[in-house]
């Protein structure tokens, strides 16, 4: 009677000793955004043309100064956009 019990125990131990095959190692590339410090040069603000206007200046002088300042601001914004674009 011991023989069948022993055979059953050996079979069960043999089945328990088998392991599932180990998974194969894989290399997976993961894209992670990393902050990089911006090295763009600082853009100095120009001396604005309308900053020196006086209350008593003529309308023509004021309009010319404001038109010149508008051109200055457009150029300044383009410089700022170029500096920001260099950081992206």
PDB file of N, CA and C in Angstrom:
ATOM      1  N   UNK A   1       0.799  -1.179   0.000  1.00  0.00           N
ATOM      2  CA  UNK A   1       0.000   0.000   0.000  1.00  0.00           C
ATOM      3  C   UNK A   1       0.854   1.261   0.000  1.00  0.00           C
ATOM      4  N   UNK A   2       2.081   1.174   0.484  1.00  0.00           N
ATOM      5  CA  UNK A   2       2.939   2.340   0.523  1.00  0.00           C
ATOM      6  C   UNK A   2       3.446   2.705  -0.872  1.00  0.00           C
ATOM      7  N   UNK A   3       3.544   1.744  -1.738  1.00  0.00           N
ATOM      8  CA  UNK A   3       4.080   2.013  -3.067  1.00  0.00           C
ATOM      9  C   UNK A   3       3.240   3.024  -3.843  1.00  0.00           C
ATOM     10  N   UNK A   4       1.934   2.936  -3.937  1.00  0.00           N
ATOM     11  CA  UNK A   4       1.166   3.924  -4.692  1.00  0.00           C
ATOM     12  C   UNK A   4       1.231   5.316  -4.052  1.00  0.00           C
ATOM     13  N   UNK A   5       1.259   5.373  -2.734  1.00  0.00           N
ATOM     14  CA  UNK A   5       1.324   6.682  -2.056  1.00  0.00           C
ATOM     15  C   UNK A   5       2.684   7.324  -2.326  1.00  0.00           C
ATOM     16  N   UNK A   6       3.742   6.552  -2.284  1.00  0.00           N
ATOM     17  CA  UNK A   6       5.083   7.063  -2.539  1.00  0.00           C
ATOM     18  C   UNK A   6       5.202   7.524  -3.993  1.00  0.00           C
ATOM     19  N   UNK A   7       4.648   6.752  -4.922  1.00  0.00           N
ATOM     20  CA  UNK A   7       4.708   7.121  -6.335  1.00  0.00           C
ATOM     21  C   UNK A   7       3.936   8.410  -6.585  1.00  0.00           C
ATOM     22  N   UNK A   8       2.788   8.530  -5.936  1.00  0.00           N
ATOM     23  CA  UNK A   8       1.979   9.749  -6.073  1.00  0.00           C
ATOM     24  C   UNK A   8       2.722  10.947  -5.502  1.00  0.00           C
ATOM     25  N   UNK A   9       3.376  10.767  -4.368  1.00  0.00           N
ATOM     26  CA  UNK A   9       4.138  11.860  -3.746  1.00  0.00           C
ATOM     27  C   UNK A   9       5.294  12.277  -4.633  1.00  0.00           C
ATOM     28  N   UNK A  10       6.002  11.293  -5.244  1.00  0.00           N
ATOM     29  CA  UNK A  10       7.118  11.612  -6.132  1.00  0.00           C
ATOM     30  C   UNK A  10       6.621  12.363  -7.364  1.00  0.00           C
ATOM     31  N   UNK A  11       5.494  11.952  -7.914  1.00  0.00           N
ATOM     32  CA  UNK A  11       4.943  12.642  -9.081  1.00  0.00           C
ATOM     33  C   UNK A  11       4.544  14.083  -8.746  1.00  0.00           C
ATOM     34  N   UNK A  12       3.934  14.255  -7.590  1.00  0.00           N
ATOM     35  CA  UNK A  12       3.524  15.598  -7.191  1.00  0.00           C
ATOM     36  C   UNK A  12       4.740  16.496  -6.951  1.00  0.00           C
ATOM     37  N   UNK A  13       5.764  15.950  -6.351  1.00  0.00           N
ATOM     38  CA  UNK A  13       6.975  16.733  -6.111  1.00  0.00           C
ATOM     39  C   UNK A  13       7.646  17.068  -7.436  1.00  0.00           C
ATOM     40  N   UNK A  14       7.638  16.152  -8.360  1.00  0.00           N
ATOM     41  CA  UNK A  14       8.223  16.397  -9.676  1.00  0.00           C
ATOM     42  C   UNK A  14       7.494  17.498 -10.425  1.00  0.00           C
ATOM     43  N   UNK A  15       6.166  17.540 -10.316  1.00  0.00           N
ATOM     44  CA  UNK A  15       5.383  18.579 -10.986  1.00  0.00           C
ATOM     45  C   UNK A  15       5.594  19.931 -10.318  1.00  0.00           C
ATOM     46  N   UNK A  16       5.744  19.933  -9.000  1.00  0.00           N
ATOM     47  CA  UNK A  16       5.926  21.184  -8.279  1.00  0.00           C
ATOM     48  C   UNK A  16       7.302  21.773  -8.561  1.00  0.00           C
ATOM     49  N   UNK A  17       8.272  20.951  -8.886  1.00  0.00           N
ATOM     50  CA  UNK A  17       9.620  21.437  -9.138  1.00  0.00           C
ATOM     51  C   UNK A  17       9.772  22.127 -10.481  1.00  0.00           C
ATOM     52  N   UNK A  18       8.827  21.912 -11.401  1.00  0.00           N
ATOM     53  CA  UNK A  18       8.922  22.545 -12.713  1.00  0.00           C
ATOM     54  C   UNK A  18       8.464  24.001 -12.602  1.00  0.00           C
ATOM     55  N   UNK A  19       9.266  24.894 -13.150  1.00  0.00           N
ATOM     56  CA  UNK A  19       8.921  26.324 -13.117  1.00  0.00           C
ATOM     57  C   UNK A  19       8.581  26.788 -14.523  1.00  0.00           C
ATOM     58  N   UNK A  20       7.819  27.830 -14.574  1.00  0.00           N
ATOM     59  CA  UNK A  20       7.500  28.423 -15.871  1.00  0.00           C
ATOM     60  C   UNK A  20       8.784  29.023 -16.436  1.00  0.00           C
ATOM     61  N   UNK A  21       8.932  29.014 -17.734  1.00  0.00           N
ATOM     62  CA  UNK A  21      10.156  29.576 -18.322  1.00  0.00           C
ATOM     63  C   UNK A  21      10.291  31.059 -17.958  1.00  0.00           C
ATOM     64  N   UNK A  22      11.497  31.448 -17.641  1.00  0.00           N
ATOM     65  CA  UNK A  22      11.750  32.843 -17.274  1.00  0.00           C
ATOM     66  C   UNK A  22      11.512  33.740 -18.487  1.00  0.00           C
ATOM     67  N   UNK A  23      10.919  34.891 -18.272  1.00  0.00           N
ATOM     68  CA  UNK A  23      10.684  35.785 -19.412  1.00  0.00           C
ATOM     69  C   UNK A  23      12.018  36.284 -19.972  1.00  0.00           C
ATOM     70  N   UNK A  24      12.056  36.448 -21.274  1.00  0.00           N
ATOM     71  CA  UNK A  24      13.276  36.913 -21.914  1.00  0.00           C
ATOM     72  C   UNK A  24      13.465  38.401 -21.617  1.00  0.00           C
ATOM     73  N   UNK A  25      14.665  38.799 -21.266  1.00  0.00           N
ATOM     74  CA  UNK A  25      14.882  40.229 -21.016  1.00  0.00           C
ATOM     75  C   UNK A  25      14.788  41.015 -22.321  1.00  0.00           C
ATOM     76  N   UNK A  26      14.128  42.171 -22.254  1.00  0.00           N
ATOM     77  CA  UNK A  26      13.965  43.038 -23.414  1.00  0.00           C
ATOM     78  C   UNK A  26      14.478  44.433 -23.064  1.00  0.00           C
ATOM     79  N   UNK A  27      14.996  45.090 -24.030  1.00  0.00           N
ATOM     80  CA  UNK A  27      15.397  46.485 -23.871  1.00  0.00           C
ATOM     81  C   UNK A  27      14.271  47.334 -24.442  1.00  0.00           C
ATOM     82  N   UNK A  28      13.740  48.218 -23.616  1.00  0.00           N
ATOM     83  CA  UNK A  28      12.640  49.076 -24.032  1.00  0.00           C
ATOM     84  C   UNK A  28      13.100  50.519 -23.909  1.00  0.00           C
ATOM     85  N   UNK A  29      12.976  51.271 -24.994  1.00  0.00           N
ATOM     86  CA  UNK A  29      13.358  52.678 -24.965  1.00  0.00           C
ATOM     87  C   UNK A  29      12.141  53.499 -24.561  1.00  0.00           C
ATOM     88  N   UNK A  30      12.312  54.321 -23.540  1.00  0.00           N
ATOM     89  CA  UNK A  30      11.225  55.156 -23.043  1.00  0.00           C
ATOM     90  C   UNK A  30      11.639  56.611 -23.206  1.00  0.00           C
ATOM     91  N   UNK A  31      10.844  57.369 -23.934  1.00  0.00           N
ATOM     92  CA  UNK A  31      11.123  58.786 -24.139  1.00  0.00           C
ATOM     93  C   UNK A  31      10.595  59.557 -22.933  1.00  0.00           C
ATOM     94  N   UNK A  32      11.485  60.258 -22.257  1.00  0.00           N
ATOM     95  CA  UNK A  32      11.111  61.032 -21.075  1.00  0.00           C
ATOM     96  C   UNK A  32      11.582  62.459 -21.291  1.00  0.00           C
ATOM     97  N   UNK A  33      10.685  63.442 -21.183  1.00  0.00           N
ATOM     98  CA  UNK A  33      11.135  64.822 -21.345  1.00  0.00           C
ATOM     99  C   UNK A  33      12.012  65.244 -20.161  1.00  0.00           C
ATOM    100  N   UNK A  34      13.083  65.922 -20.486  1.00  0.00           N
ATOM    101  CA  UNK A  34      14.021  66.381 -19.467  1.00  0.00           C
ATOM    102  C   UNK A  34      14.181  67.886 -19.618  1.00  0.00           C
ATOM    103  N   UNK A  35      14.108  68.603 -18.512  1.00  0.00           N
ATOM    104  CA  UNK A  35      14.273  70.048 -18.574  1.00  0.00           C
ATOM    105  C   UNK A  35      15.727  70.385 -18.871  1.00  0.00           C
ATOM    106  N   UNK A  36      15.900  71.288 -19.814  1.00  0.00           N
ATOM    107  CA  UNK A  36      17.229  71.732 -20.196  1.00  0.00           C
ATOM    108  C   UNK A  36      17.273  73.246 -19.998  1.00  0.00           C
ATOM    109  N   UNK A  37      18.285  73.757 -19.332  1.00  0.00           N
ATOM    110  CA  UNK A  37      18.330  75.214 -19.130  1.00  0.00           C
ATOM    111  C   UNK A  37      18.502  75.947 -20.456  1.00  0.00           C
ATOM    112  N   UNK A  38      17.821  77.053 -20.580  1.00  0.00           N
ATOM    113  CA  UNK A  38      17.893  77.853 -21.802  1.00  0.00           C
ATOM    114  C   UNK A  38      19.176  78.683 -21.768  1.00  0.00           C
ATOM    115  N   UNK A  39      19.905  78.675 -22.862  1.00  0.00           N
ATOM    116  CA  UNK A  39      21.150  79.422 -22.939  1.00  0.00           C
ATOM    117  C   UNK A  39      21.060  80.554 -23.969  1.00  0.00           C
ATOM    118  N   UNK A  40      19.879  81.085 -24.192  1.00  0.00           N
ATOM    119  CA  UNK A  40      19.708  82.186 -25.134  1.00  0.00           C
ATOM    120  C   UNK A  40      20.166  83.483 -24.469  1.00  0.00           C
ATOM    121  N   UNK A  41      20.777  84.358 -25.235  1.00  0.00           N
ATOM    122  CA  UNK A  41      21.216  85.629 -24.636  1.00  0.00           C
ATOM    123  C   UNK A  41      20.021  86.492 -24.257  1.00  0.00           C
ATOM    124  N   UNK A  42      20.193  87.296 -23.228  1.00  0.00           N
ATOM    125  CA  UNK A  42      19.126  88.200 -22.796  1.00  0.00           C
ATOM    126  C   UNK A  42      18.937  89.287 -23.851  1.00  0.00           C
ATOM    127  N   UNK A  43      17.698  89.653 -24.079  1.00  0.00           N
ATOM    128  CA  UNK A  43      17.386  90.684 -25.074  1.00  0.00           C
ATOM    129  C   UNK A  43      17.108  91.982 -24.322  1.00  0.00           C
ATOM    130  N   UNK A  44      17.997  92.957 -24.444  1.00  0.00           N
ATOM    131  CA  UNK A  44      17.768  94.216 -23.727  1.00  0.00           C
ATOM    132  C   UNK A  44      16.644  95.021 -24.381  1.00  0.00           C
ATOM    133  N   UNK A  45      15.841  95.663 -23.564  1.00  0.00           N
ATOM    134  CA  UNK A  45      14.768  96.510 -24.086  1.00  0.00           C
ATOM    135  C   UNK A  45      15.385  97.802 -24.623  1.00  0.00           C
ATOM    136  N   UNK A  46      14.922  98.261 -25.786  1.00  0.00           N
ATOM    137  CA  UNK A  46      15.483  99.497 -26.348  1.00  0.00           C
ATOM    138  C   UNK A  46      14.978 100.726 -25.602  1.00  0.00           C
ATOM    139  N   UNK A  47      15.613 101.847 -25.857  1.00  0.00           N
ATOM    140  CA  UNK A  47      15.112 103.119 -25.325  1.00  0.00           C
ATOM    141  C   UNK A  47      13.931 103.518 -26.212  1.00  0.00           C
ATOM    142  N   UNK A  48      12.747 103.463 -25.656  1.00  0.00           N
ATOM    143  CA  UNK A  48      11.545 103.687 -26.457  1.00  0.00           C
ATOM    144  C   UNK A  48      11.467 105.133 -26.933  1.00  0.00           C
ATOM    145  N   UNK A  49      11.032 105.311 -28.175  1.00  0.00           N
ATOM    146  CA  UNK A  49      10.988 106.628 -28.807  1.00  0.00           C
ATOM    147  C   UNK A  49       9.976 107.550 -28.137  1.00  0.00           C
ATOM    148  N   UNK A  50       8.882 107.019 -27.631  1.00  0.00           N
ATOM    149  CA  UNK A  50       7.843 107.853 -27.025  1.00  0.00           C
ATOM    150  C   UNK A  50       8.116 108.155 -25.557  1.00  0.00           C
ATOM    151  N   UNK A  51       9.173 107.589 -25.003  1.00  0.00           N
ATOM    152  CA  UNK A  51       9.453 107.818 -23.582  1.00  0.00           C
ATOM    153  C   UNK A  51       9.868 109.264 -23.314  1.00  0.00           C
ATOM    154  N   UNK A  52      10.454 109.918 -24.305  1.00  0.00           N
ATOM    155  CA  UNK A  52      10.916 111.289 -24.103  1.00  0.00           C
ATOM    156  C   UNK A  52       9.919 112.354 -24.507  1.00  0.00           C
ATOM    157  N   UNK A  53       8.699 111.969 -24.822  1.00  0.00           N
ATOM    158  CA  UNK A  53       7.698 112.963 -25.232  1.00  0.00           C
ATOM    159  C   UNK A  53       7.305 113.863 -24.062  1.00  0.00           C
ATOM    160  N   UNK A  54       7.084 115.106 -24.405  1.00  0.00           N
ATOM    161  CA  UNK A  54       6.623 116.085 -23.411  1.00  0.00           C
ATOM    162  C   UNK A  54       5.150 116.408 -23.672  1.00  0.00           C
ATOM    163  N   UNK A  55       4.508 116.892 -22.653  1.00  0.00           N
ATOM    164  CA  UNK A  55       3.090 117.213 -22.782  1.00  0.00           C
ATOM    165  C   UNK A  55       2.865 118.307 -23.825  1.00  0.00           C
ATOM    166  N   UNK A  56       3.787 119.203 -23.939  1.00  0.00           N
ATOM    167  CA  UNK A  56       3.622 120.328 -24.859  1.00  0.00           C
ATOM    168  C   UNK A  56       4.112 120.062 -26.263  1.00  0.00           C
ATOM    169  N   UNK A  57       4.604 118.864 -26.589  1.00  0.00           N
ATOM    170  CA  UNK A  57       5.074 118.567 -27.945  1.00  0.00           C
ATOM    171  C   UNK A  57       3.914 118.615 -28.934  1.00  0.00           C
ATOM    172  N   UNK A  58       4.241 118.928 -30.165  1.00  0.00           N
ATOM    173  CA  UNK A  58       3.195 119.026 -31.183  1.00  0.00           C
ATOM    174  C   UNK A  58       2.655 117.633 -31.525  1.00  0.00           C
ATOM    175  N   UNK A  59       1.487 117.632 -32.120  1.00  0.00           N
ATOM    176  CA  UNK A  59       0.843 116.375 -32.494  1.00  0.00           C
ATOM    177  C   UNK A  59       1.694 115.601 -33.495  1.00  0.00           C
ATOM    178  N   UNK A  60       2.328 116.322 -34.414  1.00  0.00           N
ATOM    179  CA  UNK A  60       3.168 115.660 -35.408  1.00  0.00           C
ATOM    180  C   UNK A  60       4.347 114.943 -34.755  1.00  0.00           C
ATOM    181  N   UNK A  61       4.967 115.580 -33.781  1.00  0.00           N
ATOM    182  CA  UNK A  61       6.098 114.966 -33.069  1.00  0.00           C
ATOM    183  C   UNK A  61       5.631 113.731 -32.310  1.00  0.00           C
ATOM    184  N   UNK A  62       4.472 113.834 -31.676  1.00  0.00           N
ATOM    185  CA  UNK A  62       3.937 112.695 -30.912  1.00  0.00           C
ATOM    186  C   UNK A  62       3.614 111.512 -31.834  1.00  0.00           C
ATOM    187  N   UNK A  63       2.997 111.782 -32.985  1.00  0.00           N
ATOM    188  CA  UNK A  63       2.632 110.712 -33.912  1.00  0.00           C
ATOM    189  C   UNK A  63       3.882 110.050 -34.469  1.00  0.00           C
ATOM    190  N   UNK A  64       4.883 110.861 -34.823  1.00  0.00           N
ATOM    191  CA  UNK A  64       6.126 110.284 -35.345  1.00  0.00           C
ATOM    192  C   UNK A  64       6.807 109.410 -34.286  1.00  0.00           C
ATOM    193  N   UNK A  65       6.816 109.889 -33.049  1.00  0.00           N
ATOM    194  CA  UNK A  65       7.441 109.116 -31.974  1.00  0.00           C
ATOM    195  C   UNK A  65       6.690 107.810 -31.734  1.00  0.00           C
ATOM    196  N   UNK A  66       5.363 107.860 -31.771  1.00  0.00           N
ATOM    197  CA  UNK A  66       4.571 106.644 -31.568  1.00  0.00           C
ATOM    198  C   UNK A  66       4.743 105.659 -32.718  1.00  0.00           C
ATOM    199  N   UNK A  67       4.841 106.149 -33.952  1.00  0.00           N
ATOM    200  CA  UNK A  67       5.084 105.259 -35.088  1.00  0.00           C
ATOM    201  C   UNK A  67       6.477 104.634 -34.992  1.00  0.00           C
ATOM    202  N   UNK A  68       7.453 105.427 -34.588  1.00  0.00           N
ATOM    203  CA  UNK A  68       8.800 104.886 -34.427  1.00  0.00           C
ATOM    204  C   UNK A  68       8.823 103.842 -33.305  1.00  0.00           C
ATOM    205  N   UNK A  69       8.098 104.114 -32.223  1.00  0.00           N
ATOM    206  CA  UNK A  69       8.055 103.148 -31.118  1.00  0.00           C
ATOM    207  C   UNK A  69       7.351 101.870 -31.546  1.00  0.00           C
ATOM    208  N   UNK A  70       6.353 101.972 -32.388  1.00  0.00           N
ATOM    209  CA  UNK A  70       5.675 100.767 -32.888  1.00  0.00           C
ATOM    210  C   UNK A  70       6.659  99.897 -33.658  1.00  0.00           C
ATOM    211  N   UNK A  71       7.478 100.518 -34.504  1.00  0.00           N
ATOM    212  CA  UNK A  71       8.496  99.749 -35.237  1.00  0.00           C
ATOM    213  C   UNK A  71       9.515  99.131 -34.276  1.00  0.00           C
ATOM    214  N   UNK A  72       9.869  99.896 -33.244  1.00  0.00           N
ATOM    215  CA  UNK A  72      10.799  99.368 -32.242  1.00  0.00           C
ATOM    216  C   UNK A  72      10.202  98.145 -31.553  1.00  0.00           C
ATOM    217  N   UNK A  73       8.937  98.238 -31.178  1.00  0.00           N
ATOM    218  CA  UNK A  73       8.288  97.124 -30.469  1.00  0.00           C
ATOM    219  C   UNK A  73       8.182  95.888 -31.360  1.00  0.00           C
ATOM    220  N   UNK A  74       7.902  96.063 -32.644  1.00  0.00           N
ATOM    221  CA  UNK A  74       7.833  94.926 -33.568  1.00  0.00           C
ATOM    222  C   UNK A  74       9.190  94.249 -33.650  1.00  0.00           C
ATOM    223  N   UNK A  75      10.251  95.041 -33.767  1.00  0.00           N
ATOM    224  CA  UNK A  75      11.596  94.467 -33.809  1.00  0.00           C
ATOM    225  C   UNK A  75      11.970  93.791 -32.505  1.00  0.00           C
ATOM    226  N   UNK A  76      11.602  94.416 -31.388  1.00  0.00           N
ATOM    227  CA  UNK A  76      11.896  93.843 -30.068  1.00  0.00           C
ATOM    228  C   UNK A  76      11.166  92.514 -29.879  1.00  0.00           C
ATOM    229  N   UNK A  77       9.910  92.448 -30.308  1.00  0.00           N
ATOM    230  CA  UNK A  77       9.150  91.199 -30.199  1.00  0.00           C
ATOM    231  C   UNK A  77       9.772  90.100 -31.058  1.00  0.00           C
ATOM    232  N   UNK A  78      10.269  90.441 -32.237  1.00  0.00           N
ATOM    233  CA  UNK A  78      10.931  89.439 -33.081  1.00  0.00           C
ATOM    234  C   UNK A  78      12.204  88.920 -32.420  1.00  0.00           C
ATOM    235  N   UNK A  79      12.955  89.786 -31.759  1.00  0.00           N
ATOM    236  CA  UNK A  79      14.148  89.350 -31.041  1.00  0.00           C
ATOM    237  C   UNK A  79      13.775  88.427 -29.888  1.00  0.00           C
ATOM    238  N   UNK A  80      12.709  88.775 -29.156  1.00  0.00           N
ATOM    239  CA  UNK A  80      12.253  87.925 -28.047  1.00  0.00           C
ATOM    240  C   UNK A  80      11.773  86.574 -28.565  1.00  0.00           C
ATOM    241  N   UNK A  81      11.042  86.559 -29.671  1.00  0.00           N
ATOM    242  CA  UNK A  81      10.576  85.300 -30.236  1.00  0.00           C
ATOM    243  C   UNK A  81      11.744  84.440 -30.693  1.00  0.00           C
ATOM    244  N   UNK A  82      12.787  85.054 -31.239  1.00  0.00           N
ATOM    245  CA  UNK A  82      13.959  84.296 -31.654  1.00  0.00           C
ATOM    246  C   UNK A  82      14.656  83.688 -30.441  1.00  0.00           C
ATOM    247  N   UNK A  83      14.714  84.442 -29.338  1.00  0.00           N
ATOM    248  CA  UNK A  83      15.356  83.924 -28.115  1.00  0.00           C
ATOM    249  C   UNK A  83      14.545  82.757 -27.551  1.00  0.00           C
ATOM    250  N   UNK A  84      13.232  82.874 -27.560  1.00  0.00           N
ATOM    251  CA  UNK A  84      12.393  81.787 -27.061  1.00  0.00           C
ATOM    252  C   UNK A  84      12.492  80.576 -27.993  1.00  0.00           C
ATOM    253  N   UNK A  85      12.542  80.821 -29.295  1.00  0.00           N
ATOM    254  CA  UNK A  85      12.656  79.733 -30.259  1.00  0.00           C
ATOM    255  C   UNK A  85      13.975  78.972 -30.113  1.00  0.00           C
ATOM    256  N   UNK A  86      15.014  79.655 -29.671  1.00  0.00           N
ATOM    257  CA  UNK A  86      16.297  78.983 -29.472  1.00  0.00           C
ATOM    258  C   UNK A  86      16.250  78.023 -28.290  1.00  0.00           C
ATOM    259  N   UNK A  87      15.305  78.233 -27.396  1.00  0.00           N
ATOM    260  CA  UNK A  87      15.192  77.393 -26.208  1.00  0.00           C
ATOM    261  C   UNK A  87      14.290  76.177 -26.419  1.00  0.00           C
ATOM    262  N   UNK A  88      13.646  76.100 -27.550  1.00  0.00           N
ATOM    263  CA  UNK A  88      12.711  74.985 -27.751  1.00  0.00           C
ATOM    264  C   UNK A  88      13.317  73.917 -28.603  1.00  0.00           C
TER     265      UNK A  88
END
